[in-house]
Amino acid sequence: MNRPNITIHYCVLCQWLLRSGWLAQELLSTFSDELQQVALSPASKGIFQIYYNDELIWCRVLDGGFPDAKVLKRRVRDKLDPTRNLGHIDS
């Protein structure tokens, strides 16, 4: 089975690299065995978007800001394995 890729597109002009790196770390710590990779992709024009393979799962403009780690983990889990329990995140 092919493992999914997560790509975080972030605006370098807005200096969102640290936020992107932190979210990548959170996803890798939770889904390390299930993901192929979490990639950081520099962008511009205020872009902050997260893709699960080719599907947009977070957009700063559409979703009203930046995701909390637990919200992003739920969205990835819902695509990867909806029956998986994320422990305290699901509480």
PDB file of N, CA and C in Angstrom:
ATOM      1  N   MET A   1       0.846  -1.187   0.000  1.00  0.00           N
ATOM      2  CA  MET A   1       0.000   0.000   0.000  1.00  0.00           C
ATOM      3  C   MET A   1       0.886   1.243   0.000  1.00  0.00           C
ATOM      4  N   ASN A   2       0.529   2.206  -0.825  1.00  0.00           N
ATOM      5  CA  ASN A   2       1.274   3.464  -0.844  1.00  0.00           C
ATOM      6  C   ASN A   2       0.896   4.312   0.361  1.00  0.00           C
ATOM      7  N   ARG A   3       1.912   4.794   1.030  1.00  0.00           N
ATOM      8  CA  ARG A   3       1.659   5.677   2.165  1.00  0.00           C
ATOM      9  C   ARG A   3       1.468   7.096   1.647  1.00  0.00           C
ATOM     10  N   PRO A   4       0.600   7.881   2.283  1.00  0.00           N
ATOM     11  CA  PRO A   4       0.300   9.229   1.797  1.00  0.00           C
ATOM     12  C   PRO A   4       1.420  10.228   2.086  1.00  0.00           C
ATOM     13  N   ASN A   5       1.413  11.282   1.305  1.00  0.00           N
ATOM     14  CA  ASN A   5       2.314  12.417   1.491  1.00  0.00           C
ATOM     15  C   ASN A   5       1.514  13.603   2.009  1.00  0.00           C
ATOM     16  N   ILE A   6       2.104  14.333   2.924  1.00  0.00           N
ATOM     17  CA  ILE A   6       1.542  15.594   3.395  1.00  0.00           C
ATOM     18  C   ILE A   6       2.471  16.687   2.892  1.00  0.00           C
ATOM     19  N   THR A   7       1.893  17.743   2.314  1.00  0.00           N
ATOM     20  CA  THR A   7       2.681  18.883   1.865  1.00  0.00           C
ATOM     21  C   THR A   7       2.115  20.143   2.503  1.00  0.00           C
ATOM     22  N   ILE A   8       2.998  20.882   3.153  1.00  0.00           N
ATOM     23  CA  ILE A   8       2.620  22.150   3.776  1.00  0.00           C
ATOM     24  C   ILE A   8       3.221  23.275   2.939  1.00  0.00           C
ATOM     25  N   HIS A   9       2.350  24.043   2.282  1.00  0.00           N
ATOM     26  CA  HIS A   9       2.762  25.210   1.501  1.00  0.00           C
ATOM     27  C   HIS A   9       2.656  26.423   2.425  1.00  0.00           C
ATOM     28  N   TYR A  10       3.752  27.149   2.585  1.00  0.00           N
ATOM     29  CA  TYR A  10       3.766  28.263   3.529  1.00  0.00           C
ATOM     30  C   TYR A  10       4.424  29.489   2.881  1.00  0.00           C
ATOM     31  N   CYS A  11       3.980  30.658   3.276  1.00  0.00           N
ATOM     32  CA  CYS A  11       4.516  31.910   2.747  1.00  0.00           C
ATOM     33  C   CYS A  11       5.840  32.244   3.447  1.00  0.00           C
ATOM     34  N   VAL A  12       6.904  32.352   2.641  1.00  0.00           N
ATOM     35  CA  VAL A  12       8.202  32.697   3.215  1.00  0.00           C
ATOM     36  C   VAL A  12       8.256  34.177   3.602  1.00  0.00           C
ATOM     37  N   LEU A  13       7.544  35.013   2.867  1.00  0.00           N
ATOM     38  CA  LEU A  13       7.529  36.447   3.174  1.00  0.00           C
ATOM     39  C   LEU A  13       6.847  36.726   4.518  1.00  0.00           C
ATOM     40  N   CYS A  14       5.880  35.894   4.857  1.00  0.00           N
ATOM     41  CA  CYS A  14       5.162  36.026   6.133  1.00  0.00           C
ATOM     42  C   CYS A  14       5.911  35.351   7.280  1.00  0.00           C
ATOM     43  N   GLN A  15       6.986  34.663   6.957  1.00  0.00           N
ATOM     44  CA  GLN A  15       7.837  33.980   7.932  1.00  0.00           C
ATOM     45  C   GLN A  15       7.084  32.884   8.698  1.00  0.00           C
ATOM     46  N   TRP A  16       6.404  32.037   7.943  1.00  0.00           N
ATOM     47  CA  TRP A  16       5.637  30.945   8.536  1.00  0.00           C
ATOM     48  C   TRP A  16       6.374  29.625   8.524  1.00  0.00           C
ATOM     49  N   LEU A  17       7.691  29.646   8.306  1.00  0.00           N
ATOM     50  CA  LEU A  17       8.480  28.418   8.293  1.00  0.00           C
ATOM     51  C   LEU A  17       8.443  27.701   9.645  1.00  0.00           C
ATOM     52  N   LEU A  18       8.633  28.422  10.735  1.00  0.00           N
ATOM     53  CA  LEU A  18       8.647  27.777  12.059  1.00  0.00           C
ATOM     54  C   LEU A  18       7.314  27.106  12.378  1.00  0.00           C
ATOM     55  N   ARG A  19       6.225  27.781  12.050  1.00  0.00           N
ATOM     56  CA  ARG A  19       4.890  27.204  12.275  1.00  0.00           C
ATOM     57  C   ARG A  19       4.732  25.941  11.432  1.00  0.00           C
ATOM     58  N   SER A  20       5.186  25.999  10.192  1.00  0.00           N
ATOM     59  CA  SER A  20       5.089  24.849   9.291  1.00  0.00           C
ATOM     60  C   SER A  20       5.927  23.691   9.800  1.00  0.00           C
ATOM     61  N   GLY A  21       7.140  23.990  10.239  1.00  0.00           N
ATOM     62  CA  GLY A  21       8.018  22.955  10.773  1.00  0.00           C
ATOM     63  C   GLY A  21       7.452  22.308  12.019  1.00  0.00           C
ATOM     64  N   TRP A  22       6.844  23.105  12.879  1.00  0.00           N
ATOM     65  CA  TRP A  22       6.237  22.578  14.100  1.00  0.00           C
ATOM     66  C   TRP A  22       5.079  21.638  13.757  1.00  0.00           C
ATOM     67  N   LEU A  23       4.222  22.044  12.811  1.00  0.00           N
ATOM     68  CA  LEU A  23       3.110  21.183  12.427  1.00  0.00           C
ATOM     69  C   LEU A  23       3.608  19.901  11.766  1.00  0.00           C
ATOM     70  N   ALA A  24       4.659  20.000  10.960  1.00  0.00           N
ATOM     71  CA  ALA A  24       5.252  18.809  10.349  1.00  0.00           C
ATOM     72  C   ALA A  24       5.753  17.864  11.436  1.00  0.00           C
ATOM     73  N   GLN A  25       6.410  18.402  12.430  1.00  0.00           N
ATOM     74  CA  GLN A  25       6.914  17.596  13.550  1.00  0.00           C
ATOM     75  C   GLN A  25       5.766  16.914  14.286  1.00  0.00           C
ATOM     76  N   GLU A  26       4.699  17.632  14.520  1.00  0.00           N
ATOM     77  CA  GLU A  26       3.534  17.060  15.202  1.00  0.00           C
ATOM     78  C   GLU A  26       2.943  15.899  14.404  1.00  0.00           C
ATOM     79  N   LEU A  27       2.820  16.085  13.088  1.00  0.00           N
ATOM     80  CA  LEU A  27       2.264  15.016  12.259  1.00  0.00           C
ATOM     81  C   LEU A  27       3.182  13.808  12.223  1.00  0.00           C
ATOM     82  N   LEU A  28       4.475  14.046  12.104  1.00  0.00           N
ATOM     83  CA  LEU A  28       5.425  12.933  12.060  1.00  0.00           C
ATOM     84  C   LEU A  28       5.503  12.187  13.386  1.00  0.00           C
ATOM     85  N   SER A  29       5.340  12.888  14.485  1.00  0.00           N
ATOM     86  CA  SER A  29       5.387  12.204  15.777  1.00  0.00           C
ATOM     87  C   SER A  29       4.146  11.340  15.995  1.00  0.00           C
ATOM     88  N   THR A  30       3.027  11.722  15.418  1.00  0.00           N
ATOM     89  CA  THR A  30       1.791  10.959  15.588  1.00  0.00           C
ATOM     90  C   THR A  30       1.628   9.868  14.533  1.00  0.00           C
ATOM     91  N   PHE A  31       2.023  10.160  13.295  1.00  0.00           N
ATOM     92  CA  PHE A  31       1.765   9.245  12.182  1.00  0.00           C
ATOM     93  C   PHE A  31       3.055   8.760  11.516  1.00  0.00           C
ATOM     94  N   SER A  32       4.111   8.590  12.272  1.00  0.00           N
ATOM     95  CA  SER A  32       5.429   8.281  11.702  1.00  0.00           C
ATOM     96  C   SER A  32       5.431   7.003  10.859  1.00  0.00           C
ATOM     97  N   ASP A  33       4.677   6.003  11.242  1.00  0.00           N
ATOM     98  CA  ASP A  33       4.671   4.738  10.509  1.00  0.00           C
ATOM     99  C   ASP A  33       3.699   4.737   9.327  1.00  0.00           C
ATOM    100  N   GLU A  34       2.762   5.673   9.316  1.00  0.00           N
ATOM    101  CA  GLU A  34       1.715   5.663   8.289  1.00  0.00           C
ATOM    102  C   GLU A  34       1.974   6.618   7.121  1.00  0.00           C
ATOM    103  N   LEU A  35       2.832   7.615   7.315  1.00  0.00           N
ATOM    104  CA  LEU A  35       3.064   8.621   6.272  1.00  0.00           C
ATOM    105  C   LEU A  35       4.345   8.334   5.501  1.00  0.00           C
ATOM    106  N   GLN A  36       4.324   8.613   4.214  1.00  0.00           N
ATOM    107  CA  GLN A  36       5.525   8.527   3.399  1.00  0.00           C
ATOM    108  C   GLN A  36       6.464   9.683   3.732  1.00  0.00           C
ATOM    109  N   GLN A  37       5.898  10.893   3.768  1.00  0.00           N
ATOM    110  CA  GLN A  37       6.694  12.073   4.091  1.00  0.00           C
ATOM    111  C   GLN A  37       5.789  13.238   4.451  1.00  0.00           C
ATOM    112  N   VAL A  38       6.372  14.205   5.131  1.00  0.00           N
ATOM    113  CA  VAL A  38       5.748  15.510   5.329  1.00  0.00           C
ATOM    114  C   VAL A  38       6.726  16.508   4.733  1.00  0.00           C
ATOM    115  N   ALA A  39       6.294  17.186   3.681  1.00  0.00           N
ATOM    116  CA  ALA A  39       7.167  18.103   2.949  1.00  0.00           C
ATOM    117  C   ALA A  39       6.776  19.547   3.222  1.00  0.00           C
ATOM    118  N   LEU A  40       7.776  20.394   3.310  1.00  0.00           N
ATOM    119  CA  LEU A  40       7.566  21.836   3.437  1.00  0.00           C
ATOM    120  C   LEU A  40       7.853  22.464   2.081  1.00  0.00           C
ATOM    121  N   SER A  41       6.888  23.237   1.587  1.00  0.00           N
ATOM    122  CA  SER A  41       6.986  23.817   0.259  1.00  0.00           C
ATOM    123  C   SER A  41       6.867  25.342   0.345  1.00  0.00           C
ATOM    124  N   PRO A  42       7.981  26.062   0.136  1.00  0.00           N
ATOM    125  CA  PRO A  42       7.936  27.527   0.208  1.00  0.00           C
ATOM    126  C   PRO A  42       6.996  28.107  -0.847  1.00  0.00           C
ATOM    127  N   ALA A  43       6.259  29.130  -0.447  1.00  0.00           N
ATOM    128  CA  ALA A  43       5.328  29.823  -1.338  1.00  0.00           C
ATOM    129  C   ALA A  43       5.381  31.313  -1.016  1.00  0.00           C
ATOM    130  N   SER A  44       4.446  32.059  -1.551  1.00  0.00           N
ATOM    131  CA  SER A  44       4.373  33.501  -1.286  1.00  0.00           C
ATOM    132  C   SER A  44       2.908  33.914  -1.225  1.00  0.00           C
ATOM    133  N   LYS A  45       2.661  35.199  -1.173  1.00  0.00           N
ATOM    134  CA  LYS A  45       1.311  35.776  -1.218  1.00  0.00           C
ATOM    135  C   LYS A  45       0.403  35.317  -0.083  1.00  0.00           C
ATOM    136  N   GLY A  46       0.971  35.091   1.100  1.00  0.00           N
ATOM    137  CA  GLY A  46       0.160  34.746   2.260  1.00  0.00           C
ATOM    138  C   GLY A  46      -0.396  33.333   2.264  1.00  0.00           C
ATOM    139  N   ILE A  47       0.170  32.477   1.445  1.00  0.00           N
ATOM    140  CA  ILE A  47      -0.331  31.101   1.322  1.00  0.00           C
ATOM    141  C   ILE A  47       0.040  30.283   2.555  1.00  0.00           C
ATOM    142  N   PHE A  48      -0.935  29.593   3.078  1.00  0.00           N
ATOM    143  CA  PHE A  48      -0.707  28.548   4.073  1.00  0.00           C
ATOM    144  C   PHE A  48      -1.750  27.483   3.810  1.00  0.00           C
ATOM    145  N   GLN A  49      -1.324  26.419   3.126  1.00  0.00           N
ATOM    146  CA  GLN A  49      -2.220  25.333   2.745  1.00  0.00           C
ATOM    147  C   GLN A  49      -1.550  24.001   3.036  1.00  0.00           C
ATOM    148  N   ILE A  50      -2.373  23.040   3.434  1.00  0.00           N
ATOM    149  CA  ILE A  50      -1.867  21.705   3.738  1.00  0.00           C
ATOM    150  C   ILE A  50      -2.636  20.703   2.887  1.00  0.00           C
ATOM    151  N   TYR A  51      -1.877  19.853   2.204  1.00  0.00           N
ATOM    152  CA  TYR A  51      -2.451  18.846   1.320  1.00  0.00           C
ATOM    153  C   TYR A  51      -2.153  17.450   1.838  1.00  0.00           C
ATOM    154  N   TYR A  52      -3.153  16.597   1.736  1.00  0.00           N
ATOM    155  CA  TYR A  52      -3.024  15.158   1.969  1.00  0.00           C
ATOM    156  C   TYR A  52      -3.030  14.549   0.582  1.00  0.00           C
ATOM    157  N   ASN A  53      -1.869  14.075   0.139  1.00  0.00           N
ATOM    158  CA  ASN A  53      -1.661  13.735  -1.272  1.00  0.00           C
ATOM    159  C   ASN A  53      -2.037  14.971  -2.083  1.00  0.00           C
ATOM    160  N   ASP A  54      -3.034  14.897  -2.947  1.00  0.00           N
ATOM    161  CA  ASP A  54      -3.408  16.071  -3.747  1.00  0.00           C
ATOM    162  C   ASP A  54      -4.675  16.748  -3.245  1.00  0.00           C
ATOM    163  N   GLU A  55      -5.141  16.362  -2.071  1.00  0.00           N
ATOM    164  CA  GLU A  55      -6.388  16.906  -1.538  1.00  0.00           C
ATOM    165  C   GLU A  55      -6.107  17.965  -0.470  1.00  0.00           C
ATOM    166  N   LEU A  56      -6.672  19.137  -0.667  1.00  0.00           N
ATOM    167  CA  LEU A  56      -6.521  20.229   0.295  1.00  0.00           C
ATOM    168  C   LEU A  56      -7.269  19.881   1.577  1.00  0.00           C
ATOM    169  N   ILE A  57      -6.548  19.857   2.710  1.00  0.00           N
ATOM    170  CA  ILE A  57      -7.209  19.572   3.991  1.00  0.00           C
ATOM    171  C   ILE A  57      -7.165  20.769   4.938  1.00  0.00           C
ATOM    172  N   TRP A  58      -6.375  21.791   4.600  1.00  0.00           N
ATOM    173  CA  TRP A  58      -6.380  23.025   5.388  1.00  0.00           C
ATOM    174  C   TRP A  58      -5.968  24.187   4.501  1.00  0.00           C
ATOM    175  N   CYS A  59      -6.696  25.274   4.606  1.00  0.00           N
ATOM    176  CA  CYS A  59      -6.364  26.515   3.905  1.00  0.00           C
ATOM    177  C   CYS A  59      -6.576  27.666   4.874  1.00  0.00           C
ATOM    178  N   ARG A  60      -5.541  28.452   5.100  1.00  0.00           N
ATOM    179  CA  ARG A  60      -5.628  29.558   6.048  1.00  0.00           C
ATOM    180  C   ARG A  60      -6.780  30.487   5.715  1.00  0.00           C
ATOM    181  N   VAL A  61      -7.006  30.773   4.442  1.00  0.00           N
ATOM    182  CA  VAL A  61      -8.065  31.692   4.036  1.00  0.00           C
ATOM    183  C   VAL A  61      -9.444  31.063   4.241  1.00  0.00           C
ATOM    184  N   LEU A  62      -9.632  29.848   3.752  1.00  0.00           N
ATOM    185  CA  LEU A  62     -10.936  29.190   3.841  1.00  0.00           C
ATOM    186  C   LEU A  62     -11.290  28.746   5.257  1.00  0.00           C
ATOM    187  N   ASP A  63     -10.283  28.317   6.016  1.00  0.00           N
ATOM    188  CA  ASP A  63     -10.527  27.795   7.364  1.00  0.00           C
ATOM    189  C   ASP A  63     -10.368  28.843   8.458  1.00  0.00           C
ATOM    190  N   GLY A  64     -10.029  30.062   8.077  1.00  0.00           N
ATOM    191  CA  GLY A  64      -9.988  31.148   9.056  1.00  0.00           C
ATOM    192  C   GLY A  64      -8.783  31.146   9.968  1.00  0.00           C
ATOM    193  N   GLY A  65      -7.608  30.938   9.433  1.00  0.00           N
ATOM    194  CA  GLY A  65      -6.394  31.020  10.243  1.00  0.00           C
ATOM    195  C   GLY A  65      -5.566  29.751  10.146  1.00  0.00           C
ATOM    196  N   PHE A  66      -4.825  29.498  11.196  1.00  0.00           N
ATOM    197  CA  PHE A  66      -3.919  28.354  11.238  1.00  0.00           C
ATOM    198  C   PHE A  66      -4.529  27.247  12.092  1.00  0.00           C
ATOM    199  N   PRO A  67      -4.221  25.994  11.754  1.00  0.00           N
ATOM    200  CA  PRO A  67      -4.804  24.898  12.530  1.00  0.00           C
ATOM    201  C   PRO A  67      -4.066  24.680  13.845  1.00  0.00           C
ATOM    202  N   ASP A  68      -4.819  24.302  14.864  1.00  0.00           N
ATOM    203  CA  ASP A  68      -4.197  23.742  16.054  1.00  0.00           C
ATOM    204  C   ASP A  68      -3.691  22.364  15.652  1.00  0.00           C
ATOM    205  N   ALA A  69      -2.660  21.897  16.320  1.00  0.00           N
ATOM    206  CA  ALA A  69      -2.111  20.582  15.986  1.00  0.00           C
ATOM    207  C   ALA A  69      -3.173  19.496  16.101  1.00  0.00           C
ATOM    208  N   LYS A  70      -4.024  19.564  17.130  1.00  0.00           N
ATOM    209  CA  LYS A  70      -5.021  18.509  17.310  1.00  0.00           C
ATOM    210  C   LYS A  70      -6.058  18.515  16.196  1.00  0.00           C
ATOM    211  N   VAL A  71      -6.421  19.687  15.691  1.00  0.00           N
ATOM    212  CA  VAL A  71      -7.379  19.769  14.587  1.00  0.00           C
ATOM    213  C   VAL A  71      -6.767  19.186  13.316  1.00  0.00           C
ATOM    214  N   LEU A  72      -5.518  19.529  13.046  1.00  0.00           N
ATOM    215  CA  LEU A  72      -4.839  18.996  11.873  1.00  0.00           C
ATOM    216  C   LEU A  72      -4.662  17.483  11.975  1.00  0.00           C
ATOM    217  N   LYS A  73      -4.306  16.997  13.145  1.00  0.00           N
ATOM    218  CA  LYS A  73      -4.151  15.557  13.334  1.00  0.00           C
ATOM    219  C   LYS A  73      -5.469  14.823  13.096  1.00  0.00           C
ATOM    220  N   ARG A  74      -6.569  15.414  13.521  1.00  0.00           N
ATOM    221  CA  ARG A  74      -7.876  14.794  13.271  1.00  0.00           C
ATOM    222  C   ARG A  74      -8.174  14.728  11.775  1.00  0.00           C
ATOM    223  N   ARG A  75      -7.849  15.803  11.054  1.00  0.00           N
ATOM    224  CA  ARG A  75      -8.116  15.812   9.610  1.00  0.00           C
ATOM    225  C   ARG A  75      -7.263  14.772   8.884  1.00  0.00           C
ATOM    226  N   VAL A  76      -6.018  14.633   9.290  1.00  0.00           N
ATOM    227  CA  VAL A  76      -5.157  13.617   8.683  1.00  0.00           C
ATOM    228  C   VAL A  76      -5.663  12.229   9.061  1.00  0.00           C
ATOM    229  N   ARG A  77      -5.985  12.020  10.313  1.00  0.00           N
ATOM    230  CA  ARG A  77      -6.514  10.729  10.762  1.00  0.00           C
ATOM    231  C   ARG A  77      -7.779  10.351  10.002  1.00  0.00           C
ATOM    232  N   ASP A  78      -8.672  11.326   9.774  1.00  0.00           N
ATOM    233  CA  ASP A  78      -9.930  11.052   9.080  1.00  0.00           C
ATOM    234  C   ASP A  78      -9.699  10.569   7.649  1.00  0.00           C
ATOM    235  N   LYS A  79      -8.612  10.983   7.033  1.00  0.00           N
ATOM    236  CA  LYS A  79      -8.256  10.511   5.691  1.00  0.00           C
ATOM    237  C   LYS A  79      -7.508   9.184   5.752  1.00  0.00           C
ATOM    238  N   LEU A  80      -6.632   9.068   6.710  1.00  0.00           N
ATOM    239  CA  LEU A  80      -5.736   7.914   6.818  1.00  0.00           C
ATOM    240  C   LEU A  80      -6.427   6.680   7.381  1.00  0.00           C
ATOM    241  N   ASP A  81      -7.105   6.857   8.522  1.00  0.00           N
ATOM    242  CA  ASP A  81      -7.755   5.745   9.218  1.00  0.00           C
ATOM    243  C   ASP A  81      -8.810   6.308  10.161  1.00  0.00           C
ATOM    244  N   PRO A  82     -10.030   6.526   9.652  1.00  0.00           N
ATOM    245  CA  PRO A  82     -11.079   7.167  10.467  1.00  0.00           C
ATOM    246  C   PRO A  82     -11.406   6.445  11.771  1.00  0.00           C
ATOM    247  N   THR A  83     -11.072   5.160  11.872  1.00  0.00           N
ATOM    248  CA  THR A  83     -11.389   4.413  13.097  1.00  0.00           C
ATOM    249  C   THR A  83     -10.302   4.525  14.149  1.00  0.00           C
ATOM    250  N   ARG A  84      -9.166   5.112  13.790  1.00  0.00           N
ATOM    251  CA  ARG A  84      -8.037   5.211  14.735  1.00  0.00           C
ATOM    252  C   ARG A  84      -8.370   6.182  15.869  1.00  0.00           C
ATOM    253  N   ASN A  85      -8.063   5.763  17.085  1.00  0.00           N
ATOM    254  CA  ASN A  85      -8.231   6.609  18.246  1.00  0.00           C
ATOM    255  C   ASN A  85      -6.954   7.403  18.470  1.00  0.00           C
ATOM    256  N   LEU A  86      -7.082   8.714  18.611  1.00  0.00           N
ATOM    257  CA  LEU A  86      -5.919   9.568  18.848  1.00  0.00           C
ATOM    258  C   LEU A  86      -5.716   9.874  20.327  1.00  0.00           C
ATOM    259  N   GLY A  87      -6.304   9.059  21.181  1.00  0.00           N
ATOM    260  CA  GLY A  87      -6.088   9.224  22.624  1.00  0.00           C
ATOM    261  C   GLY A  87      -6.660  10.523  23.147  1.00  0.00           C
ATOM    262  N   HIS A  88      -5.845  11.275  23.862  1.00  0.00           N
ATOM    263  CA  HIS A  88      -6.310  12.499  24.519  1.00  0.00           C
ATOM    264  C   HIS A  88      -6.807  13.551  23.523  1.00  0.00           C
ATOM    265  N   ILE A  89      -6.368  13.493  22.274  1.00  0.00           N
ATOM    266  CA  ILE A  89      -6.830  14.446  21.268  1.00  0.00           C
ATOM    267  C   ILE A  89      -8.316  14.254  20.982  1.00  0.00           C
ATOM    268  N   ASP A  90      -8.781  13.025  21.071  1.00  0.00           N
ATOM    269  CA  ASP A  90     -10.202  12.736  20.822  1.00  0.00           C
ATOM    270  C   ASP A  90     -11.072  12.963  22.052  1.00  0.00           C
ATOM    271  N   SER A  91     -10.492  13.269  23.181  1.00  0.00           N
ATOM    272  CA  SER A  91     -11.268  13.472  24.409  1.00  0.00           C
ATOM    273  C   SER A  91     -12.012  14.789  24.368  1.00  0.00           C
TER     274      SER A  91
END
